[in-house]
């Protein structure tokens, strides 16, 4: 064995459920030269799928991942390895990758933010997700105090509403859905 090898990740895509994506990496030697036409074995921990790719003349290889709607969300690893050759030592990388859902939150309406103490402040939002939305919570605090949580009421398939009481003049209300 004369040289060592390493992987350089060219792309680290955001992995969304129900989407196909391509991960691209480069295999290089200790002189930072591409390792050409070399086999690269890979395993995707989310599903246990394993396969191999081959580097091109620039040392680049691609891995196509199909994240289905039934795949779990969370932190997984994409492991790729080069077994080595008579002149190059093998190497392996475990690349952490998150699979996330596509959740969209659109604030539709709020009543005027100038409310008197005891008046109602209303919020409505459209919330969608690739697996559906079972509930939405409104988190808010007054003047940097303890965060309070209010369950939002479903008005239609993806529209949710909630209300909180207005506060004294000069109070700061921070909120998020």
Protein backbone atom coordinates (compact mmCIF):
# COMPACT_ATOMS: atom_id res chain seq x y z
CA UNK A 1 0.00 0.00 0.00
CA UNK A 2 1.41 3.36 -1.03
CA UNK A 3 -1.31 5.94 -0.35
CA UNK A 4 -4.37 6.66 1.71
CA UNK A 5 -7.83 7.68 0.57
CA UNK A 6 -10.60 9.91 1.83
CA UNK A 7 -14.09 11.02 0.83
CA UNK A 8 -15.22 14.59 0.21
CA UNK A 9 -18.97 15.17 0.28
CA UNK A 10 -19.95 17.38 -2.68
CA UNK A 11 -23.64 17.64 -1.78
CA UNK A 12 -25.48 17.19 1.48
CA UNK A 13 -29.10 17.45 0.42
CA UNK A 14 -31.99 18.02 2.78
CA UNK A 15 -33.83 14.73 2.83
CA UNK A 16 -37.60 15.04 2.79
CA UNK A 17 -40.01 12.18 3.14
CA UNK A 18 -41.66 11.21 -0.17
CA UNK A 19 -38.82 12.57 -2.33
CA UNK A 20 -35.97 11.22 -4.42
CA UNK A 21 -32.58 12.83 -3.94
CA UNK A 22 -28.98 12.33 -5.01
CA UNK A 23 -25.94 12.42 -2.75
CA UNK A 24 -22.67 13.18 -4.52
CA UNK A 25 -19.18 12.61 -3.11
CA UNK A 26 -15.60 12.40 -4.34
CA UNK A 27 -12.95 9.81 -3.53
CA UNK A 28 -9.44 11.25 -3.38
CA UNK A 29 -6.00 9.96 -2.48
CA UNK A 30 -3.48 11.52 -0.08
CA UNK A 31 -2.14 13.73 -2.92
CA UNK A 32 -5.72 15.09 -3.33
CA UNK A 33 -5.96 13.38 -6.71
CA UNK A 34 -9.23 11.71 -7.76
CA UNK A 35 -9.41 7.94 -7.45
CA UNK A 36 -10.79 6.99 -10.88
CA UNK A 37 -13.11 4.09 -11.74
CA UNK A 38 -13.06 2.75 -8.20
CA UNK A 39 -15.87 0.77 -6.52
CA UNK A 40 -17.62 2.44 -3.59
CA UNK A 41 -19.91 0.36 -1.39
CA UNK A 42 -22.69 2.18 0.45
CA UNK A 43 -25.38 1.46 3.05
CA UNK A 44 -28.37 3.63 4.00
CA UNK A 45 -29.18 2.97 7.67
CA UNK A 46 -32.81 4.16 7.45
CA UNK A 47 -33.81 1.16 5.34
CA UNK A 48 -30.76 -1.09 5.41
CA UNK A 49 -30.42 -0.79 1.63
CA UNK A 50 -26.88 -1.33 0.39
CA UNK A 51 -25.40 -1.15 -3.06
CA UNK A 52 -22.30 0.08 -4.83
CA UNK A 53 -21.36 2.89 -7.17
CA UNK A 54 -18.26 3.53 -9.23
CA UNK A 55 -16.27 6.74 -9.34
CA UNK A 56 -15.92 8.55 -12.64
CA UNK A 57 -12.73 10.06 -14.10
CA UNK A 58 -12.96 12.88 -11.52
CA UNK A 59 -13.34 10.50 -8.59
CA UNK A 60 -17.02 11.44 -8.23
CA UNK A 61 -19.78 8.97 -7.47
CA UNK A 62 -23.50 9.44 -6.93
CA UNK A 63 -25.99 7.68 -4.68
CA UNK A 64 -29.69 7.96 -5.46
CA UNK A 65 -31.91 7.76 -2.39
CA UNK A 66 -35.66 7.27 -2.56
CA UNK A 67 -37.25 8.46 0.68
CA UNK A 68 -40.83 7.15 0.69
CA UNK A 69 -43.82 8.59 2.54
CA UNK A 70 -43.70 5.64 4.95
CA UNK A 71 -40.01 6.06 5.85
CA UNK A 72 -39.28 7.14 9.40
CA UNK A 73 -38.17 10.65 10.28
CA UNK A 74 -34.94 11.13 12.18
CA UNK A 75 -31.17 11.01 12.10
CA UNK A 76 -29.67 8.21 9.99
CA UNK A 77 -26.29 7.47 8.42
CA UNK A 78 -25.15 6.97 4.88
CA UNK A 79 -22.03 4.86 5.05
CA UNK A 80 -19.74 4.64 2.07
CA UNK A 81 -16.50 2.72 1.80
CA UNK A 82 -13.70 2.09 -0.64
CA UNK A 83 -12.21 -1.40 -0.14
CA UNK A 84 -8.74 -0.34 -1.24
CA UNK A 85 -6.43 -1.47 -4.02
CA UNK A 86 -2.85 -2.73 -4.25
CA UNK A 87 -1.67 0.90 -4.25
CA UNK A 88 -4.29 2.61 -2.07
CA UNK A 89 -5.53 1.97 1.42
CA UNK A 90 -9.28 1.65 1.83
CA UNK A 91 -11.42 4.13 3.75
CA UNK A 92 -14.92 4.45 5.19
CA UNK A 93 -17.19 7.35 6.15
CA UNK A 94 -20.40 7.39 8.20
CA UNK A 95 -22.22 10.54 7.14
CA UNK A 96 -25.11 11.58 9.43
CA UNK A 97 -28.20 12.67 7.50
CA UNK A 98 -31.62 13.78 8.74
CA UNK A 99 -34.91 12.79 7.12
CA UNK A 100 -37.52 15.48 7.81
CA UNK A 101 -41.12 16.12 6.88
CA UNK A 102 -42.35 19.08 4.90
CA UNK A 103 -44.43 21.14 7.26
CA UNK A 104 -45.74 24.47 6.03
CA UNK A 105 -47.16 27.10 8.36
CA UNK A 106 -48.87 30.16 6.94
CA UNK A 107 -50.32 32.72 9.33
CA UNK A 108 -53.62 33.65 7.70
CA UNK A 109 -55.03 36.29 10.04
CA UNK A 110 -54.56 37.91 13.41
CA UNK A 111 -56.61 40.63 14.97
CA UNK A 112 -54.92 43.97 15.41
CA UNK A 113 -51.97 43.76 17.77
CA UNK A 114 -53.29 46.79 19.65
CA UNK A 115 -55.58 45.09 22.16
CA UNK A 116 -56.75 46.31 25.53
CA UNK A 117 -56.41 44.19 28.62
CA UNK A 118 -59.04 41.44 28.51
CA UNK A 119 -59.82 41.78 24.79
CA UNK A 120 -59.35 38.69 22.64
CA UNK A 121 -56.41 38.36 20.21
CA UNK A 122 -57.27 35.82 17.50
CA UNK A 123 -54.91 33.81 15.29
CA UNK A 124 -55.66 31.57 12.33
CA UNK A 125 -53.12 29.58 10.38
CA UNK A 126 -52.96 27.11 7.54
CA UNK A 127 -50.74 24.17 8.52
CA UNK A 128 -49.91 21.30 6.17
CA UNK A 129 -47.56 18.36 6.40
CA UNK A 130 -46.75 15.42 4.13
CA UNK A 131 -48.35 13.03 6.64
CA UNK A 132 -51.24 15.29 7.68
CA UNK A 133 -51.58 17.41 10.82
CA UNK A 134 -53.32 16.05 13.89
CA UNK A 135 -52.94 19.16 16.09
CA UNK A 136 -51.30 22.58 16.24
CA UNK A 137 -50.22 24.46 19.34
CA UNK A 138 -49.77 28.18 19.88
CA UNK A 139 -46.79 28.89 22.19
CA UNK A 140 -46.61 32.39 23.61
CA UNK A 141 -45.01 34.41 26.39
CA UNK A 142 -45.77 37.81 27.83
CA UNK A 143 -42.90 40.20 28.58
CA UNK A 144 -40.35 37.37 28.28
CA UNK A 145 -42.11 35.31 30.96
CA UNK A 146 -42.91 31.63 31.08
CA UNK A 147 -44.04 30.11 27.79
CA UNK A 148 -47.70 29.21 27.74
CA UNK A 149 -49.22 26.67 25.35
CA UNK A 150 -52.68 26.80 23.86
CA UNK A 151 -54.15 24.06 21.67
CA UNK A 152 -55.44 25.50 18.40
CA UNK A 153 -58.92 24.49 17.22
CA UNK A 154 -59.32 22.82 13.84
CA UNK A 155 -61.68 24.81 11.61
CA UNK A 156 -61.13 22.75 8.45
CA UNK A 157 -58.70 20.11 7.18
CA UNK A 158 -55.70 22.44 7.40
CA UNK A 159 -56.97 25.64 9.09
CA UNK A 160 -56.44 26.09 12.83
CA UNK A 161 -57.50 28.93 15.14
CA UNK A 162 -56.68 30.05 18.69
CA UNK A 163 -57.06 33.14 20.82
CA UNK A 164 -55.35 34.71 23.80
CA UNK A 165 -56.37 37.64 25.97
CA UNK A 166 -55.00 41.09 25.23
CA UNK A 167 -52.47 42.46 27.74
CA UNK A 168 -51.81 45.80 29.37
CA UNK A 169 -50.48 48.57 27.18
CA UNK A 170 -46.72 48.27 26.63
CA UNK A 171 -46.70 44.47 27.11
CA UNK A 172 -44.67 42.44 24.65
CA UNK A 173 -46.25 39.18 23.44
CA UNK A 174 -44.04 36.72 21.58
CA UNK A 175 -45.63 33.73 19.86
CA UNK A 176 -44.93 30.82 17.56
CA UNK A 177 -46.91 27.95 16.13
